[in-house]
């Protein structure tokens, strides 16, 4: 696995990797008020855990032959310290499902991801406490 970062202008960089994907990374504080900007490094960091566990949940549901609800969204929230270096103090992952789905299978897929498969979640737990909750059609079905 290899990634790189190329300076473009000001505080904007373009990332690349051994995958055919490019992402713009920037510091919005250093851009003009209405300038287009990409993701900040901290946002990308949080998106990595969402992507990791999201892929797991879909793969596990498919192995269970359980339907994936019509909408599946993952939100990750993480407060930062006030002082520099500003670091995350906790992580909360919210799994949002809308539509039809078996609550027991959804929770089992999330639990397997969090406890067995998602390496990014395991790394996050070494940094700060990580908690999660799952909602199906707006109702909480589990917490971990």
N, C-alpha and C. Protein backbone atom coordinates (compact mmCIF):
# COMPACT_ATOMS: atom_id res chain seq x y z
N UNK A 1 0.85 -1.17 0.00
CA UNK A 1 0.00 0.00 0.00
C UNK A 1 0.90 1.23 0.00
N UNK A 2 0.57 2.18 -0.87
CA UNK A 2 1.38 3.39 -0.97
C UNK A 2 0.46 4.56 -1.31
N UNK A 3 0.69 5.70 -0.66
CA UNK A 3 -0.04 6.94 -0.97
C UNK A 3 0.97 8.06 -1.15
N UNK A 4 0.55 9.13 -1.81
CA UNK A 4 1.40 10.31 -1.94
C UNK A 4 0.55 11.56 -1.96
N UNK A 5 1.21 12.67 -1.80
CA UNK A 5 0.57 13.98 -1.72
C UNK A 5 1.37 14.94 -2.59
N UNK A 6 0.69 15.65 -3.49
CA UNK A 6 1.36 16.59 -4.38
C UNK A 6 0.80 17.99 -4.15
N UNK A 7 1.70 18.95 -3.87
CA UNK A 7 1.29 20.34 -3.66
C UNK A 7 0.78 20.91 -4.97
N UNK A 8 -0.38 21.59 -4.93
CA UNK A 8 -0.94 22.21 -6.13
C UNK A 8 -0.77 23.72 -6.07
N UNK A 9 -1.33 24.37 -5.04
CA UNK A 9 -1.16 25.81 -4.86
C UNK A 9 -1.65 26.19 -3.48
N UNK A 10 -1.14 27.28 -2.93
CA UNK A 10 -1.56 27.72 -1.61
C UNK A 10 -1.49 26.59 -0.60
N UNK A 11 -2.62 26.26 0.01
CA UNK A 11 -2.67 25.15 0.97
C UNK A 11 -3.45 23.97 0.40
N UNK A 12 -3.45 23.83 -0.92
CA UNK A 12 -4.16 22.73 -1.57
C UNK A 12 -3.18 21.67 -2.07
N UNK A 13 -3.54 20.42 -1.85
CA UNK A 13 -2.75 19.27 -2.27
C UNK A 13 -3.67 18.28 -2.96
N UNK A 14 -3.10 17.47 -3.81
CA UNK A 14 -3.85 16.37 -4.41
C UNK A 14 -3.21 15.08 -3.94
N UNK A 15 -4.05 14.14 -3.51
CA UNK A 15 -3.52 12.85 -3.05
C UNK A 15 -3.64 11.84 -4.17
N UNK A 16 -2.83 10.85 -4.09
CA UNK A 16 -2.90 9.74 -5.01
C UNK A 16 -2.47 8.49 -4.27
N UNK A 17 -2.70 7.36 -4.89
CA UNK A 17 -2.31 6.10 -4.27
C UNK A 17 -2.12 5.06 -5.34
N UNK A 18 -1.85 3.84 -4.90
CA UNK A 18 -1.72 2.76 -5.85
C UNK A 18 -3.09 2.34 -6.40
N UNK A 19 -4.14 3.06 -6.01
CA UNK A 19 -5.48 2.88 -6.59
C UNK A 19 -5.74 4.04 -7.55
N UNK A 20 -6.58 3.87 -8.56
CA UNK A 20 -6.81 4.94 -9.54
C UNK A 20 -7.81 6.00 -9.05
N UNK A 21 -7.54 6.61 -7.89
CA UNK A 21 -8.44 7.60 -7.30
C UNK A 21 -7.62 8.81 -6.88
N UNK A 22 -8.17 9.99 -7.08
CA UNK A 22 -7.52 11.22 -6.62
C UNK A 22 -8.48 11.99 -5.74
N UNK A 23 -7.94 12.62 -4.69
CA UNK A 23 -8.75 13.41 -3.76
C UNK A 23 -8.01 14.72 -3.51
N UNK A 24 -8.75 15.82 -3.48
CA UNK A 24 -8.17 17.12 -3.14
C UNK A 24 -8.19 17.28 -1.63
N UNK A 25 -7.04 17.64 -1.06
CA UNK A 25 -6.91 17.86 0.37
C UNK A 25 -6.48 19.29 0.59
N UNK A 26 -7.11 19.97 1.55
CA UNK A 26 -6.80 21.38 1.75
C UNK A 26 -7.03 21.79 3.19
N UNK A 27 -6.60 22.97 3.51
CA UNK A 27 -6.89 23.60 4.81
C UNK A 27 -7.84 24.75 4.52
N UNK A 28 -9.15 24.60 4.80
CA UNK A 28 -10.12 25.63 4.45
C UNK A 28 -9.81 26.99 5.08
N UNK A 29 -9.11 27.01 6.19
CA UNK A 29 -8.78 28.28 6.85
C UNK A 29 -7.86 29.12 5.97
N UNK A 30 -7.12 28.47 5.09
CA UNK A 30 -6.18 29.19 4.25
C UNK A 30 -6.72 29.55 2.88
N UNK A 31 -7.99 29.31 2.62
CA UNK A 31 -8.58 29.59 1.32
C UNK A 31 -9.48 30.83 1.38
N UNK A 32 -9.70 31.44 0.23
CA UNK A 32 -10.64 32.56 0.15
C UNK A 32 -12.03 32.06 0.53
N UNK A 33 -12.88 32.96 0.97
CA UNK A 33 -14.20 32.61 1.51
C UNK A 33 -15.03 31.71 0.60
N UNK A 34 -15.00 31.93 -0.71
CA UNK A 34 -15.86 31.14 -1.59
C UNK A 34 -15.05 30.22 -2.52
N UNK A 35 -13.81 29.95 -2.17
CA UNK A 35 -12.98 29.08 -3.00
C UNK A 35 -13.40 27.62 -2.82
N UNK A 36 -13.32 26.85 -3.88
CA UNK A 36 -13.61 25.42 -3.78
C UNK A 36 -12.51 24.76 -2.97
N UNK A 37 -12.89 23.82 -2.13
CA UNK A 37 -11.87 23.14 -1.35
C UNK A 37 -12.18 21.66 -1.25
N UNK A 38 -11.17 20.90 -0.92
CA UNK A 38 -11.34 19.46 -0.75
C UNK A 38 -11.48 19.13 0.72
N UNK A 39 -11.27 17.88 1.02
CA UNK A 39 -11.38 17.40 2.40
C UNK A 39 -10.14 17.79 3.20
N UNK A 40 -10.33 17.99 4.50
CA UNK A 40 -9.18 18.22 5.37
C UNK A 40 -8.61 16.86 5.76
N UNK A 41 -7.34 16.79 6.17
CA UNK A 41 -6.78 15.51 6.59
C UNK A 41 -7.58 14.86 7.73
N UNK A 42 -8.09 15.64 8.67
CA UNK A 42 -8.86 15.06 9.76
C UNK A 42 -10.19 14.49 9.27
N UNK A 43 -10.83 15.14 8.30
CA UNK A 43 -12.06 14.60 7.72
C UNK A 43 -11.77 13.28 6.99
N UNK A 44 -10.68 13.24 6.24
CA UNK A 44 -10.32 12.00 5.55
C UNK A 44 -10.05 10.88 6.55
N UNK A 45 -9.44 11.22 7.67
CA UNK A 45 -9.16 10.25 8.73
C UNK A 45 -10.47 9.64 9.23
N UNK A 46 -11.46 10.48 9.49
CA UNK A 46 -12.75 9.98 9.97
C UNK A 46 -13.47 9.19 8.88
N UNK A 47 -13.36 9.64 7.63
CA UNK A 47 -13.99 8.91 6.53
C UNK A 47 -13.40 7.52 6.35
N UNK A 48 -12.14 7.35 6.74
CA UNK A 48 -11.51 6.04 6.58
C UNK A 48 -12.21 4.99 7.44
N UNK A 49 -12.58 5.34 8.65
CA UNK A 49 -13.26 4.35 9.50
C UNK A 49 -14.67 4.08 8.98
N UNK A 50 -15.34 5.11 8.46
CA UNK A 50 -16.68 4.91 7.89
C UNK A 50 -16.60 3.97 6.68
N UNK A 51 -15.62 4.19 5.83
CA UNK A 51 -15.46 3.33 4.66
C UNK A 51 -15.14 1.90 5.03
N UNK A 52 -14.25 1.72 5.99
CA UNK A 52 -13.84 0.38 6.41
C UNK A 52 -15.01 -0.41 6.97
N UNK A 53 -15.72 0.16 7.92
CA UNK A 53 -16.82 -0.57 8.54
C UNK A 53 -18.01 -0.69 7.58
N UNK A 54 -18.21 0.30 6.73
CA UNK A 54 -19.30 0.22 5.76
C UNK A 54 -19.11 -0.93 4.78
N UNK A 55 -17.90 -1.10 4.29
CA UNK A 55 -17.59 -2.22 3.39
C UNK A 55 -17.84 -3.54 4.11
N UNK A 56 -17.39 -3.62 5.37
CA UNK A 56 -17.61 -4.84 6.16
C UNK A 56 -19.09 -5.16 6.29
N UNK A 57 -19.88 -4.17 6.69
CA UNK A 57 -21.31 -4.40 6.94
C UNK A 57 -21.99 -4.91 5.68
N UNK A 58 -21.73 -4.30 4.54
CA UNK A 58 -22.34 -4.75 3.28
C UNK A 58 -21.91 -6.19 2.97
N UNK A 59 -20.62 -6.48 3.08
CA UNK A 59 -20.12 -7.83 2.77
C UNK A 59 -20.73 -8.87 3.71
N UNK A 60 -20.84 -8.54 4.99
CA UNK A 60 -21.41 -9.48 5.96
C UNK A 60 -22.89 -9.71 5.69
N UNK A 61 -23.63 -8.65 5.41
CA UNK A 61 -25.05 -8.81 5.08
C UNK A 61 -25.23 -9.68 3.84
N UNK A 62 -24.36 -9.48 2.84
CA UNK A 62 -24.45 -10.29 1.63
C UNK A 62 -24.18 -11.76 1.95
N UNK A 63 -23.20 -12.04 2.80
CA UNK A 63 -22.91 -13.42 3.19
C UNK A 63 -24.07 -14.03 3.96
N UNK A 64 -24.79 -13.21 4.73
CA UNK A 64 -25.97 -13.68 5.46
C UNK A 64 -27.19 -13.82 4.54
N UNK A 65 -27.04 -13.34 3.31
CA UNK A 65 -28.16 -13.29 2.36
C UNK A 65 -29.30 -12.42 2.89
N UNK A 66 -28.88 -11.39 3.61
CA UNK A 66 -29.85 -10.43 4.17
C UNK A 66 -29.89 -9.21 3.26
N UNK A 67 -31.07 -8.70 2.99
CA UNK A 67 -31.15 -7.51 2.12
C UNK A 67 -30.56 -6.28 2.81
N UNK A 68 -29.89 -5.46 2.01
CA UNK A 68 -29.38 -4.19 2.51
C UNK A 68 -30.54 -3.20 2.43
N UNK A 69 -30.86 -2.50 3.51
CA UNK A 69 -31.95 -1.52 3.44
C UNK A 69 -31.72 -0.51 2.31
N UNK A 70 -32.80 0.14 1.90
CA UNK A 70 -32.76 1.06 0.76
C UNK A 70 -31.73 2.18 0.96
N UNK A 71 -31.56 2.65 2.20
CA UNK A 71 -30.57 3.69 2.49
C UNK A 71 -29.68 3.19 3.62
N UNK A 72 -28.39 3.30 3.42
CA UNK A 72 -27.40 2.95 4.45
C UNK A 72 -26.39 4.08 4.47
N UNK A 73 -26.31 4.75 5.60
CA UNK A 73 -25.41 5.90 5.75
C UNK A 73 -24.67 5.74 7.06
N UNK A 74 -23.41 6.14 7.08
CA UNK A 74 -22.61 6.10 8.31
C UNK A 74 -22.14 7.51 8.60
N UNK A 75 -22.33 7.94 9.82
CA UNK A 75 -21.83 9.24 10.27
C UNK A 75 -20.80 9.00 11.37
N UNK A 76 -19.72 9.76 11.34
CA UNK A 76 -18.69 9.66 12.37
C UNK A 76 -18.49 11.05 12.96
N UNK A 77 -18.62 11.14 14.28
CA UNK A 77 -18.39 12.41 14.97
C UNK A 77 -17.25 12.22 15.94
N UNK A 78 -16.40 13.25 16.04
CA UNK A 78 -15.24 13.17 16.92
C UNK A 78 -14.85 14.56 17.38
N UNK A 79 -14.98 14.83 18.69
CA UNK A 79 -14.55 16.13 19.20
C UNK A 79 -13.03 16.24 19.22
N UNK A 80 -12.56 17.47 19.08
CA UNK A 80 -11.13 17.77 19.11
C UNK A 80 -10.77 18.51 20.39
N UNK A 81 -9.54 18.37 20.82
CA UNK A 81 -9.06 19.17 21.95
C UNK A 81 -8.99 20.63 21.51
N UNK A 82 -9.00 21.55 22.47
CA UNK A 82 -8.92 22.97 22.16
C UNK A 82 -7.50 23.43 21.86
N UNK A 83 -6.53 22.76 22.48
CA UNK A 83 -5.13 23.17 22.36
C UNK A 83 -4.41 22.38 21.27
N UNK A 84 -3.39 23.00 20.72
CA UNK A 84 -2.54 22.33 19.72
C UNK A 84 -1.58 21.39 20.42
N UNK A 85 -1.26 20.24 19.86
CA UNK A 85 -1.86 19.74 18.64
C UNK A 85 -3.29 19.29 18.88
N UNK A 86 -4.20 19.71 18.04
CA UNK A 86 -5.62 19.36 18.20
C UNK A 86 -5.82 17.91 17.79
N UNK A 87 -6.19 17.09 18.77
CA UNK A 87 -6.37 15.66 18.53
C UNK A 87 -7.78 15.25 18.91
N UNK A 88 -8.22 14.13 18.37
CA UNK A 88 -9.54 13.60 18.69
C UNK A 88 -9.55 13.03 20.10
N UNK A 89 -10.66 13.26 20.80
CA UNK A 89 -10.78 12.76 22.17
C UNK A 89 -11.71 11.56 22.27
N UNK A 90 -12.53 11.31 21.27
CA UNK A 90 -13.46 10.17 21.23
C UNK A 90 -14.01 10.07 19.81
N UNK A 91 -14.55 8.91 19.49
CA UNK A 91 -15.17 8.69 18.19
C UNK A 91 -16.54 8.07 18.41
N UNK A 92 -17.55 8.56 17.69
CA UNK A 92 -18.87 7.93 17.72
C UNK A 92 -19.31 7.69 16.28
N UNK A 93 -19.59 6.43 16.00
CA UNK A 93 -20.05 6.02 14.67
C UNK A 93 -21.55 5.77 14.77
N UNK A 94 -22.31 6.38 13.87
CA UNK A 94 -23.75 6.14 13.81
C UNK A 94 -24.07 5.48 12.47
N UNK A 95 -24.68 4.31 12.55
CA UNK A 95 -25.13 3.57 11.38
C UNK A 95 -26.61 3.89 11.19
N UNK A 96 -26.95 4.49 10.06
CA UNK A 96 -28.33 4.88 9.77
C UNK A 96 -28.86 4.01 8.64
N UNK A 97 -29.93 3.28 8.92
CA UNK A 97 -30.58 2.44 7.93
C UNK A 97 -32.01 2.93 7.76
N UNK A 98 -32.46 3.02 6.51
CA UNK A 98 -33.84 3.38 6.21
C UNK A 98 -34.39 2.34 5.26
N UNK A 99 -35.60 1.87 5.53
CA UNK A 99 -36.23 0.88 4.68
C UNK A 99 -36.41 -0.42 5.42
N UNK A 100 -36.49 -1.50 4.66
CA UNK A 100 -36.71 -2.81 5.28
C UNK A 100 -35.36 -3.45 5.60
N UNK A 101 -35.31 -4.06 6.75
CA UNK A 101 -34.09 -4.74 7.16
C UNK A 101 -34.34 -5.50 8.45
N UNK A 102 -33.64 -6.60 8.63
CA UNK A 102 -33.75 -7.40 9.83
C UNK A 102 -32.84 -6.78 10.89
N UNK A 103 -33.41 -6.19 11.95
CA UNK A 103 -32.58 -5.53 12.96
C UNK A 103 -31.50 -6.42 13.55
N UNK A 104 -31.82 -7.69 13.79
CA UNK A 104 -30.83 -8.60 14.38
C UNK A 104 -29.65 -8.82 13.44
N UNK A 105 -29.93 -8.95 12.15
CA UNK A 105 -28.84 -9.16 11.19
C UNK A 105 -28.02 -7.89 10.99
N UNK A 106 -28.68 -6.74 11.01
CA UNK A 106 -27.94 -5.48 10.89
C UNK A 106 -26.98 -5.32 12.07
N UNK A 107 -27.49 -5.57 13.27
CA UNK A 107 -26.65 -5.44 14.48
C UNK A 107 -25.53 -6.47 14.46
N UNK A 108 -25.81 -7.68 14.02
CA UNK A 108 -24.77 -8.71 13.95
C UNK A 108 -23.67 -8.30 12.97
N UNK A 109 -24.05 -7.73 11.83
CA UNK A 109 -23.06 -7.28 10.84
C UNK A 109 -22.19 -6.16 11.41
N UNK A 110 -22.80 -5.22 12.10
CA UNK A 110 -22.04 -4.12 12.71
C UNK A 110 -21.11 -4.66 13.78
N UNK A 111 -21.61 -5.54 14.62
CA UNK A 111 -20.81 -6.09 15.71
C UNK A 111 -19.60 -6.86 15.16
N UNK A 112 -19.82 -7.67 14.14
CA UNK A 112 -18.69 -8.39 13.53
C UNK A 112 -17.67 -7.42 12.95
N UNK A 113 -18.15 -6.38 12.29
CA UNK A 113 -17.23 -5.38 11.75
C UNK A 113 -16.41 -4.75 12.86
N UNK A 114 -17.08 -4.31 13.91
CA UNK A 114 -16.39 -3.60 14.98
C UNK A 114 -15.48 -4.49 15.82
N UNK A 115 -15.88 -5.72 16.03
CA UNK A 115 -15.11 -6.59 16.93
C UNK A 115 -14.12 -7.50 16.23
N UNK A 116 -14.29 -7.73 14.91
CA UNK A 116 -13.44 -8.71 14.25
C UNK A 116 -12.74 -8.21 13.00
N UNK A 117 -13.44 -7.49 12.15
CA UNK A 117 -12.92 -7.24 10.81
C UNK A 117 -12.33 -5.85 10.54
N UNK A 118 -12.89 -4.80 11.09
CA UNK A 118 -12.47 -3.44 10.70
C UNK A 118 -11.17 -3.03 11.40
N UNK A 119 -10.08 -3.13 10.66
CA UNK A 119 -8.78 -2.76 11.20
C UNK A 119 -8.67 -1.28 11.54
N UNK A 120 -9.39 -0.45 10.80
CA UNK A 120 -9.35 0.99 11.09
C UNK A 120 -10.00 1.27 12.44
N UNK A 121 -11.13 0.62 12.74
CA UNK A 121 -11.76 0.78 14.06
C UNK A 121 -10.80 0.35 15.16
N UNK A 122 -10.09 -0.75 14.93
CA UNK A 122 -9.13 -1.23 15.93
C UNK A 122 -8.04 -0.19 16.16
N UNK A 123 -7.57 0.45 15.09
CA UNK A 123 -6.54 1.50 15.24
C UNK A 123 -7.12 2.72 15.96
N UNK A 124 -8.36 3.09 15.62
CA UNK A 124 -8.99 4.24 16.27
C UNK A 124 -9.08 4.01 17.78
N UNK A 125 -9.40 2.78 18.20
CA UNK A 125 -9.54 2.47 19.63
C UNK A 125 -8.22 2.65 20.39
N UNK A 126 -7.11 2.59 19.69
CA UNK A 126 -5.81 2.82 20.32
C UNK A 126 -5.55 4.31 20.53
N UNK A 127 -6.35 5.14 19.86
CA UNK A 127 -6.19 6.60 19.95
C UNK A 127 -7.13 7.18 21.00
N UNK A 128 -8.39 6.76 20.97
CA UNK A 128 -9.41 7.33 21.87
C UNK A 128 -10.59 6.35 21.92
N UNK A 129 -11.48 6.52 22.91
CA UNK A 129 -12.65 5.63 22.99
C UNK A 129 -13.50 5.72 21.72
N UNK A 130 -14.01 4.56 21.30
CA UNK A 130 -14.87 4.48 20.12
C UNK A 130 -16.18 3.83 20.54
N UNK A 131 -17.29 4.49 20.21
CA UNK A 131 -18.61 3.93 20.48
C UNK A 131 -19.41 3.96 19.18
N UNK A 132 -20.48 3.17 19.14
CA UNK A 132 -21.32 3.16 17.96
C UNK A 132 -22.78 2.98 18.37
N UNK A 133 -23.65 3.36 17.45
CA UNK A 133 -25.08 3.12 17.62
C UNK A 133 -25.66 2.89 16.25
N UNK A 134 -26.77 2.14 16.23
CA UNK A 134 -27.42 1.82 14.96
C UNK A 134 -28.88 2.24 15.04
N UNK A 135 -29.37 2.88 13.98
CA UNK A 135 -30.76 3.29 13.89
C UNK A 135 -31.38 2.68 12.64
N UNK A 136 -32.58 2.14 12.79
CA UNK A 136 -33.36 1.62 11.67
C UNK A 136 -34.64 2.42 11.61
N UNK A 137 -34.83 3.15 10.54
CA UNK A 137 -36.00 4.01 10.35
C UNK A 137 -36.16 4.97 11.53
N UNK A 138 -35.03 5.52 11.99
CA UNK A 138 -35.03 6.53 13.04
C UNK A 138 -35.07 6.01 14.46
N UNK A 139 -35.28 4.71 14.65
CA UNK A 139 -35.34 4.12 15.99
C UNK A 139 -34.02 3.41 16.29
N UNK A 140 -33.50 3.68 17.48
CA UNK A 140 -32.23 3.03 17.86
C UNK A 140 -32.48 1.54 18.09
N UNK A 141 -31.64 0.72 17.45
CA UNK A 141 -31.78 -0.73 17.60
C UNK A 141 -30.61 -1.35 18.37
N UNK A 142 -29.51 -0.61 18.52
CA UNK A 142 -28.37 -1.15 19.28
C UNK A 142 -27.36 -0.04 19.55
N UNK A 143 -26.51 -0.34 20.53
CA UNK A 143 -25.42 0.55 20.92
C UNK A 143 -24.23 -0.31 21.30
N UNK A 144 -23.05 0.16 20.99
CA UNK A 144 -21.86 -0.60 21.38
C UNK A 144 -20.69 0.29 21.66
